[in-house]
Amino acid sequence: MAEIVNLTPHPVRIFPSDTPDRIAPGSVTPLRVITPSAQHQPVRLGHRVIGPDDLGLDIPVERVAYGAADNGSPPLPPPVTGTYYLASLVVGLAAVDRDDVLVCHDTVRDLEGSIIGTRTLARPHRS
């Protein structure tokens, strides 16, 4: 059976597919909780400001390159057969060349609107 390694800093709760979009915490039991990995630090996306971009707007706009963090945050671990890495959406979107990266999809929120889990996971794909 394949393994999921959670590279986010928080537990990820997987709820049943019929879970409403918003629920009171504790009102629905998750099918599974994927705890953060003890062997890996959370993976974060870094950015580098390239410079201003004049679009003729009255709001400043900058060109920004996103990629590996420059602050010592680790890159994604190397691929391992039978292992999937659960990462944040921004990290997953930057890693569409990897078949082993999963992100939360079809999220569940609490009554205040904060994400508390997901119904499904997704593999980001370059369209």
N, C-alpha and C. Protein backbone atom coordinates (compact mmCIF):
# COMPACT_ATOMS: atom_id res chain seq x y z
N MET A 1 0.84 -1.19 0.00
CA MET A 1 0.00 0.00 0.00
C MET A 1 0.89 1.25 0.00
N ALA A 2 0.49 2.25 -0.74
CA ALA A 2 1.24 3.49 -0.84
C ALA A 2 1.17 4.27 0.48
N GLU A 3 2.19 5.09 0.70
CA GLU A 3 2.29 5.90 1.91
C GLU A 3 2.12 7.37 1.54
N ILE A 4 1.47 8.14 2.42
CA ILE A 4 1.35 9.59 2.25
C ILE A 4 2.17 10.25 3.35
N VAL A 5 3.12 11.10 2.95
CA VAL A 5 3.94 11.85 3.89
C VAL A 5 3.45 13.30 3.87
N ASN A 6 2.99 13.78 5.02
CA ASN A 6 2.44 15.13 5.13
C ASN A 6 3.57 16.13 5.33
N LEU A 7 3.82 16.97 4.33
CA LEU A 7 4.86 17.98 4.39
C LEU A 7 4.31 19.35 4.77
N THR A 8 3.07 19.41 5.25
CA THR A 8 2.50 20.66 5.74
C THR A 8 2.74 20.72 7.25
N PRO A 9 2.61 21.90 7.87
CA PRO A 9 2.85 22.00 9.30
C PRO A 9 1.66 21.62 10.18
N HIS A 10 0.58 21.12 9.58
CA HIS A 10 -0.63 20.82 10.36
C HIS A 10 -1.24 19.49 9.93
N PRO A 11 -2.03 18.87 10.81
CA PRO A 11 -2.72 17.63 10.42
C PRO A 11 -3.72 17.92 9.30
N VAL A 12 -3.87 16.97 8.39
CA VAL A 12 -4.85 17.10 7.31
C VAL A 12 -5.95 16.07 7.55
N ARG A 13 -7.17 16.56 7.73
CA ARG A 13 -8.32 15.70 7.98
C ARG A 13 -9.02 15.39 6.67
N ILE A 14 -9.24 14.10 6.42
CA ILE A 14 -9.96 13.66 5.22
C ILE A 14 -11.38 13.32 5.65
N PHE A 15 -12.36 14.07 5.14
CA PHE A 15 -13.75 13.87 5.52
C PHE A 15 -14.49 13.04 4.46
N PRO A 16 -15.60 12.40 4.85
CA PRO A 16 -16.41 11.66 3.88
C PRO A 16 -16.88 12.58 2.75
N SER A 17 -17.13 11.99 1.58
CA SER A 17 -17.50 12.77 0.39
C SER A 17 -18.81 13.52 0.55
N ASP A 18 -19.69 13.07 1.45
CA ASP A 18 -20.97 13.74 1.63
C ASP A 18 -20.94 14.80 2.74
N THR A 19 -19.76 15.14 3.23
CA THR A 19 -19.64 16.17 4.26
C THR A 19 -20.03 17.52 3.68
N PRO A 20 -20.86 18.29 4.38
CA PRO A 20 -21.22 19.63 3.89
C PRO A 20 -19.98 20.53 3.76
N ASP A 21 -20.12 21.60 2.98
CA ASP A 21 -19.01 22.53 2.78
C ASP A 21 -18.56 23.19 4.08
N ARG A 22 -19.50 23.45 4.98
CA ARG A 22 -19.20 24.07 6.28
C ARG A 22 -19.80 23.21 7.38
N ILE A 23 -18.99 22.96 8.40
CA ILE A 23 -19.46 22.15 9.53
C ILE A 23 -18.93 22.74 10.84
N ALA A 24 -19.61 22.40 11.93
CA ALA A 24 -19.09 22.72 13.25
C ALA A 24 -17.99 21.71 13.56
N PRO A 25 -16.84 22.18 14.06
CA PRO A 25 -15.77 21.24 14.40
C PRO A 25 -16.28 20.14 15.33
N GLY A 26 -15.93 18.90 15.01
CA GLY A 26 -16.35 17.76 15.82
C GLY A 26 -17.68 17.17 15.42
N SER A 27 -18.41 17.82 14.50
CA SER A 27 -19.73 17.31 14.11
C SER A 27 -19.65 16.17 13.10
N VAL A 28 -18.54 16.06 12.39
CA VAL A 28 -18.32 14.98 11.42
C VAL A 28 -16.96 14.36 11.73
N THR A 29 -16.94 13.04 11.84
CA THR A 29 -15.69 12.35 12.12
C THR A 29 -14.90 12.15 10.83
N PRO A 30 -13.64 12.60 10.81
CA PRO A 30 -12.83 12.38 9.61
C PRO A 30 -12.61 10.89 9.36
N LEU A 31 -12.49 10.53 8.08
CA LEU A 31 -12.16 9.15 7.72
C LEU A 31 -10.72 8.84 8.10
N ARG A 32 -9.89 9.88 8.00
CA ARG A 32 -8.47 9.71 8.29
C ARG A 32 -7.87 11.08 8.63
N VAL A 33 -6.88 11.08 9.49
CA VAL A 33 -6.11 12.29 9.79
C VAL A 33 -4.66 11.98 9.46
N ILE A 34 -4.07 12.79 8.58
CA ILE A 34 -2.68 12.59 8.17
C ILE A 34 -1.84 13.62 8.93
N THR A 35 -1.07 13.13 9.89
CA THR A 35 -0.29 14.03 10.73
C THR A 35 0.97 14.51 10.00
N PRO A 36 1.49 15.68 10.41
CA PRO A 36 2.72 16.17 9.78
C PRO A 36 3.86 15.17 9.98
N SER A 37 4.72 15.08 9.01
CA SER A 37 5.85 14.16 9.06
C SER A 37 6.84 14.56 10.15
N ALA A 38 7.27 13.59 10.92
CA ALA A 38 8.30 13.83 11.93
C ALA A 38 9.70 13.80 11.30
N GLN A 39 9.82 13.22 10.12
CA GLN A 39 11.13 13.08 9.46
C GLN A 39 11.46 14.24 8.53
N HIS A 40 10.46 15.05 8.16
CA HIS A 40 10.68 16.12 7.19
C HIS A 40 10.16 17.44 7.75
N GLN A 41 10.86 18.52 7.46
CA GLN A 41 10.36 19.84 7.80
C GLN A 41 9.28 20.23 6.79
N PRO A 42 8.34 21.10 7.19
CA PRO A 42 7.35 21.56 6.21
C PRO A 42 8.03 22.22 5.01
N VAL A 43 7.49 21.97 3.83
CA VAL A 43 8.04 22.54 2.60
C VAL A 43 7.29 23.84 2.30
N ARG A 44 8.04 24.87 1.99
CA ARG A 44 7.44 26.17 1.68
C ARG A 44 7.98 26.67 0.34
N LEU A 45 7.19 27.51 -0.29
CA LEU A 45 7.57 28.10 -1.56
C LEU A 45 8.23 29.45 -1.30
N GLY A 46 9.32 29.72 -1.96
CA GLY A 46 9.98 31.01 -1.84
C GLY A 46 9.65 31.88 -3.04
N HIS A 47 10.10 33.12 -2.98
CA HIS A 47 9.89 34.02 -4.11
C HIS A 47 11.04 35.02 -4.20
N ARG A 48 11.19 35.57 -5.40
CA ARG A 48 12.21 36.58 -5.65
C ARG A 48 11.54 37.69 -6.46
N VAL A 49 11.63 38.92 -5.94
CA VAL A 49 11.05 40.06 -6.66
C VAL A 49 12.01 40.44 -7.77
N ILE A 50 11.50 40.42 -9.00
CA ILE A 50 12.31 40.76 -10.18
C ILE A 50 12.34 42.27 -10.38
N GLY A 51 11.21 42.90 -10.14
CA GLY A 51 11.15 44.35 -10.28
C GLY A 51 9.74 44.82 -10.53
N PRO A 52 9.57 46.14 -10.61
CA PRO A 52 8.23 46.69 -10.84
C PRO A 52 7.72 46.37 -12.24
N ASP A 53 6.42 46.33 -12.36
CA ASP A 53 5.76 46.07 -13.64
C ASP A 53 4.74 47.19 -13.86
N ASP A 54 4.96 48.01 -14.85
CA ASP A 54 4.08 49.15 -15.10
C ASP A 54 2.92 48.72 -15.98
N LEU A 55 1.77 48.54 -15.35
CA LEU A 55 0.56 48.15 -16.09
C LEU A 55 -0.38 49.32 -16.27
N GLY A 56 0.05 50.50 -15.83
CA GLY A 56 -0.80 51.67 -15.95
C GLY A 56 -1.92 51.69 -14.92
N LEU A 57 -1.74 50.97 -13.83
CA LEU A 57 -2.73 50.94 -12.76
C LEU A 57 -2.32 51.90 -11.66
N ASP A 58 -3.27 52.25 -10.81
CA ASP A 58 -2.93 53.10 -9.66
C ASP A 58 -2.54 52.26 -8.44
N ILE A 59 -2.21 51.00 -8.68
CA ILE A 59 -1.77 50.07 -7.63
C ILE A 59 -0.42 49.52 -8.06
N PRO A 60 0.57 49.48 -7.16
CA PRO A 60 1.86 48.93 -7.55
C PRO A 60 1.76 47.44 -7.88
N VAL A 61 2.42 47.03 -8.95
CA VAL A 61 2.47 45.63 -9.38
C VAL A 61 3.94 45.28 -9.57
N GLU A 62 4.35 44.11 -9.06
CA GLU A 62 5.73 43.66 -9.22
C GLU A 62 5.77 42.33 -9.94
N ARG A 63 6.83 42.11 -10.72
CA ARG A 63 7.09 40.78 -11.30
C ARG A 63 7.79 39.96 -10.23
N VAL A 64 7.29 38.75 -10.01
CA VAL A 64 7.82 37.89 -8.95
C VAL A 64 8.03 36.49 -9.50
N ALA A 65 9.19 35.92 -9.21
CA ALA A 65 9.48 34.53 -9.58
C ALA A 65 9.29 33.66 -8.34
N TYR A 66 8.53 32.59 -8.47
CA TYR A 66 8.29 31.68 -7.35
C TYR A 66 9.07 30.40 -7.57
N GLY A 67 9.57 29.84 -6.49
CA GLY A 67 10.33 28.59 -6.58
C GLY A 67 10.80 28.17 -5.21
N ALA A 68 11.91 27.46 -5.17
CA ALA A 68 12.46 26.97 -3.90
C ALA A 68 12.73 28.15 -2.97
N ALA A 69 12.46 27.96 -1.70
CA ALA A 69 12.67 29.01 -0.71
C ALA A 69 14.16 29.26 -0.51
N ASP A 70 14.53 30.53 -0.33
CA ASP A 70 15.92 30.91 -0.09
C ASP A 70 16.25 30.94 1.40
N ASN A 71 15.27 30.65 2.25
CA ASN A 71 15.47 30.81 3.69
C ASN A 71 15.88 29.52 4.39
N GLY A 72 16.37 28.56 3.66
CA GLY A 72 16.77 27.30 4.27
C GLY A 72 15.66 26.27 4.34
N SER A 73 14.45 26.65 3.94
CA SER A 73 13.35 25.68 3.92
C SER A 73 13.70 24.58 2.92
N PRO A 74 13.50 23.33 3.28
CA PRO A 74 13.93 22.25 2.40
C PRO A 74 13.10 22.14 1.13
N PRO A 75 13.73 21.70 0.04
CA PRO A 75 12.95 21.40 -1.17
C PRO A 75 12.16 20.12 -0.94
N LEU A 76 11.36 19.76 -1.89
CA LEU A 76 10.65 18.48 -1.78
C LEU A 76 11.65 17.34 -1.68
N PRO A 77 11.33 16.33 -0.89
CA PRO A 77 12.22 15.16 -0.84
C PRO A 77 12.27 14.49 -2.21
N PRO A 78 13.31 13.72 -2.46
CA PRO A 78 13.38 13.02 -3.74
C PRO A 78 12.26 11.98 -3.84
N PRO A 79 11.83 11.67 -5.06
CA PRO A 79 10.78 10.66 -5.23
C PRO A 79 11.21 9.31 -4.64
N VAL A 80 10.25 8.63 -4.02
CA VAL A 80 10.45 7.28 -3.48
C VAL A 80 9.27 6.44 -3.95
N THR A 81 9.53 5.32 -4.56
CA THR A 81 8.47 4.45 -5.06
C THR A 81 7.49 4.12 -3.94
N GLY A 82 6.20 4.31 -4.20
CA GLY A 82 5.17 3.99 -3.22
C GLY A 82 4.92 5.08 -2.20
N THR A 83 5.54 6.26 -2.37
CA THR A 83 5.36 7.37 -1.43
C THR A 83 4.82 8.58 -2.17
N TYR A 84 3.80 9.20 -1.57
CA TYR A 84 3.24 10.45 -2.08
C TYR A 84 3.48 11.51 -1.02
N TYR A 85 3.77 12.73 -1.47
CA TYR A 85 4.04 13.84 -0.57
C TYR A 85 2.87 14.81 -0.60
N LEU A 86 2.26 15.04 0.56
CA LEU A 86 1.14 15.97 0.69
C LEU A 86 1.73 17.34 1.02
N ALA A 87 1.48 18.32 0.14
CA ALA A 87 2.05 19.66 0.29
C ALA A 87 0.95 20.70 0.17
N SER A 88 1.30 21.95 0.48
CA SER A 88 0.35 23.04 0.31
C SER A 88 0.04 23.21 -1.18
N LEU A 89 -1.05 23.89 -1.47
CA LEU A 89 -1.45 24.10 -2.86
C LEU A 89 -0.37 24.86 -3.63
N VAL A 90 0.20 25.90 -3.04
CA VAL A 90 1.20 26.68 -3.79
C VAL A 90 2.44 25.84 -4.09
N VAL A 91 2.85 24.99 -3.16
CA VAL A 91 3.99 24.11 -3.41
C VAL A 91 3.62 23.10 -4.50
N GLY A 92 2.42 22.53 -4.41
CA GLY A 92 1.97 21.57 -5.41
C GLY A 92 1.90 22.16 -6.80
N LEU A 93 1.42 23.40 -6.91
CA LEU A 93 1.32 24.05 -8.22
C LEU A 93 2.69 24.36 -8.80
N ALA A 94 3.68 24.54 -7.94
CA ALA A 94 5.05 24.77 -8.41
C ALA A 94 5.75 23.47 -8.76
N ALA A 95 5.13 22.34 -8.43
CA ALA A 95 5.76 21.03 -8.64
C ALA A 95 4.92 20.15 -9.56
N VAL A 96 4.30 20.75 -10.59
CA VAL A 96 3.45 19.96 -11.48
C VAL A 96 4.24 18.94 -12.29
N ASP A 97 5.56 19.05 -12.28
CA ASP A 97 6.39 18.07 -12.97
C ASP A 97 6.58 16.80 -12.14
N ARG A 98 6.11 16.81 -10.91
CA ARG A 98 6.25 15.64 -10.02
C ARG A 98 4.92 14.89 -9.96
N ASP A 99 4.95 13.58 -10.13
CA ASP A 99 3.74 12.75 -10.04
C ASP A 99 3.45 12.31 -8.62
N ASP A 100 4.34 12.62 -7.68
CA ASP A 100 4.20 12.13 -6.31
C ASP A 100 3.77 13.20 -5.32
N VAL A 101 3.30 14.36 -5.81
CA VAL A 101 2.88 15.44 -4.93
C VAL A 101 1.36 15.54 -4.93
N LEU A 102 0.78 15.57 -3.74
CA LEU A 102 -0.66 15.68 -3.55
C LEU A 102 -0.98 16.98 -2.83
N VAL A 103 -2.17 17.52 -3.08
CA VAL A 103 -2.66 18.71 -2.40
C VAL A 103 -4.10 18.48 -1.98
N CYS A 104 -4.57 19.29 -1.04
CA CYS A 104 -5.97 19.20 -0.63
C CYS A 104 -6.85 19.74 -1.75
N HIS A 105 -8.00 19.09 -1.92
CA HIS A 105 -8.95 19.48 -2.96
C HIS A 105 -10.34 19.27 -2.38
N ASP A 106 -11.28 20.12 -2.74
CA ASP A 106 -12.66 20.00 -2.25
C ASP A 106 -12.68 20.15 -0.72
N THR A 107 -12.24 21.31 -0.26
CA THR A 107 -12.04 21.55 1.17
C THR A 107 -13.33 21.69 1.95
N VAL A 108 -13.21 21.44 3.25
CA VAL A 108 -14.29 21.58 4.23
C VAL A 108 -13.88 22.70 5.18
N ARG A 109 -14.81 23.60 5.47
CA ARG A 109 -14.52 24.74 6.35
C ARG A 109 -15.37 24.67 7.61
N ASP A 110 -14.89 25.36 8.66
CA ASP A 110 -15.71 25.48 9.86
C ASP A 110 -16.74 26.58 9.63
N LEU A 111 -17.57 26.84 10.61
CA LEU A 111 -18.65 27.81 10.45
C LEU A 111 -18.14 29.24 10.29
N GLU A 112 -16.89 29.49 10.70
CA GLU A 112 -16.30 30.82 10.54
C GLU A 112 -15.59 30.96 9.19
N GLY A 113 -15.48 29.86 8.43
CA GLY A 113 -14.87 29.92 7.10
C GLY A 113 -13.44 29.44 7.01
N SER A 114 -12.85 29.00 8.13
CA SER A 114 -11.47 28.48 8.09
C SER A 114 -11.47 27.04 7.60
N ILE A 115 -10.48 26.69 6.79
CA ILE A 115 -10.37 25.32 6.29
C ILE A 115 -9.99 24.40 7.44
N ILE A 116 -10.75 23.32 7.61
CA ILE A 116 -10.46 22.35 8.67
C ILE A 116 -10.19 20.95 8.11
N GLY A 117 -10.32 20.79 6.81
CA GLY A 117 -10.07 19.48 6.21
C GLY A 117 -10.44 19.48 4.74
N THR A 118 -10.49 18.30 4.18
CA THR A 118 -10.76 18.14 2.75
C THR A 118 -11.53 16.84 2.52
N ARG A 119 -12.25 16.78 1.42
CA ARG A 119 -12.95 15.54 1.06
C ARG A 119 -12.07 14.66 0.18
N THR A 120 -11.22 15.30 -0.62
CA THR A 120 -10.37 14.56 -1.55
C THR A 120 -8.99 15.21 -1.62
N LEU A 121 -8.06 14.45 -2.15
CA LEU A 121 -6.74 14.97 -2.47
C LEU A 121 -6.62 15.03 -3.99
N ALA A 122 -5.70 15.82 -4.49
CA ALA A 122 -5.50 15.96 -5.93
C ALA A 122 -4.01 15.94 -6.25
N ARG A 123 -3.70 15.52 -7.49
CA ARG A 123 -2.34 15.64 -8.02
C ARG A 123 -2.36 16.79 -9.01
N PRO A 124 -1.66 17.90 -8.70
CA PRO A 124 -1.65 19.02 -9.65
C PRO A 124 -1.10 18.57 -11.00
N HIS A 125 -1.71 19.10 -12.04
CA HIS A 125 -1.35 18.70 -13.40
C HIS A 125 -1.22 19.94 -14.26
N ARG A 126 -0.22 19.96 -15.09
CA ARG A 126 -0.06 21.09 -16.02
C ARG A 126 -1.12 20.94 -17.11
N SER A 127 -1.94 21.97 -17.29
CA SER A 127 -3.01 21.87 -18.29
C SER A 127 -2.59 22.43 -19.62
